[in-house]
Protein backbone atom coordinates (compact mmCIF):
# COMPACT_ATOMS: atom_id res chain seq x y z
CA TRP A 1 -6.41 24.75 18.72
CA GLU A 2 -5.10 25.36 15.24
CA ASP A 3 -1.53 25.42 16.56
CA ILE A 4 -1.68 21.89 17.96
CA PRO A 5 -0.15 19.45 15.47
CA VAL A 6 -2.26 16.33 14.94
CA VAL A 7 -0.18 13.20 14.46
CA ILE A 8 -1.66 9.81 13.64
CA LEU A 9 0.17 6.63 14.58
CA THR A 10 -1.51 3.68 12.90
CA ALA A 11 -0.96 0.05 12.06
CA LYS A 12 -3.58 0.28 9.31
CA ASP A 13 -2.51 0.48 5.70
CA LEU A 14 -4.21 3.71 4.72
CA THR A 15 -5.90 3.84 1.36
CA VAL A 16 -5.66 6.79 -0.98
CA GLU A 17 -9.19 7.67 0.12
CA ASP A 18 -8.16 7.55 3.81
CA ARG A 19 -5.22 9.87 3.16
CA GLN A 20 -7.40 12.22 1.13
CA GLN A 21 -9.86 12.49 4.03
CA LEU A 22 -7.02 13.30 6.43
CA LYS A 23 -5.33 15.81 4.12
CA GLY A 24 -5.27 19.26 5.65
CA ASN A 25 -6.41 17.97 9.04
CA VAL A 26 -3.30 16.17 10.22
CA GLU A 27 0.34 17.17 10.32
CA ARG A 28 1.77 13.71 9.86
CA VAL A 29 0.69 10.08 9.54
CA LEU A 30 3.21 7.65 11.00
CA GLN A 31 3.12 3.93 10.31
CA LYS A 32 3.30 1.84 13.47
CA GLY A 33 6.37 -0.40 13.47
CA ASP A 34 8.40 1.92 11.24
CA TYR A 35 9.79 3.85 14.20
CA ASN A 36 11.44 2.85 17.43
CA ARG A 37 10.62 4.81 20.59
CA GLU A 38 13.40 7.39 20.17
CA GLN A 39 12.62 8.00 16.50
CA LEU A 40 8.94 8.47 17.29
CA LEU A 41 9.70 10.93 20.09
CA SER A 42 12.11 12.79 17.82
CA GLU A 43 9.44 13.15 15.11
CA VAL A 44 6.91 14.49 17.61
CA ARG A 45 9.46 16.89 19.14
CA GLU A 46 10.27 18.31 15.71
CA LEU A 47 6.60 18.85 14.91
CA VAL A 48 5.98 20.58 18.23
CA LYS A 49 9.17 22.65 18.03
CA HIS A 50 8.04 24.24 14.78
CA ARG A 51 4.70 25.18 16.31
CA VAL A 52 5.95 26.65 19.58
CA GLU A 53 6.91 30.28 19.36
CA PRO A 54 8.91 31.84 22.18
CA GLN A 55 6.81 34.27 24.15
CA ALA A 56 8.09 37.74 24.91
CA PRO A 57 8.93 38.26 28.59
CA ALA A 58 6.19 39.91 30.58
CA GLU A 59 6.77 43.57 31.33
CA THR A 60 6.98 44.48 35.00
């Protein structure tokens, strides 16, 4: 489960305390309304791309 990036999309204005509690547990906090659909998908794709390692082909 450690390899799954956690992304938060929120409309809430996070306080310093909120961000401190999330630190180390989430990959990215995105503010709702700051991204259109394509930008949001692009951000998520980039986060996932860096976590996915190509697997070696199975030996037969």
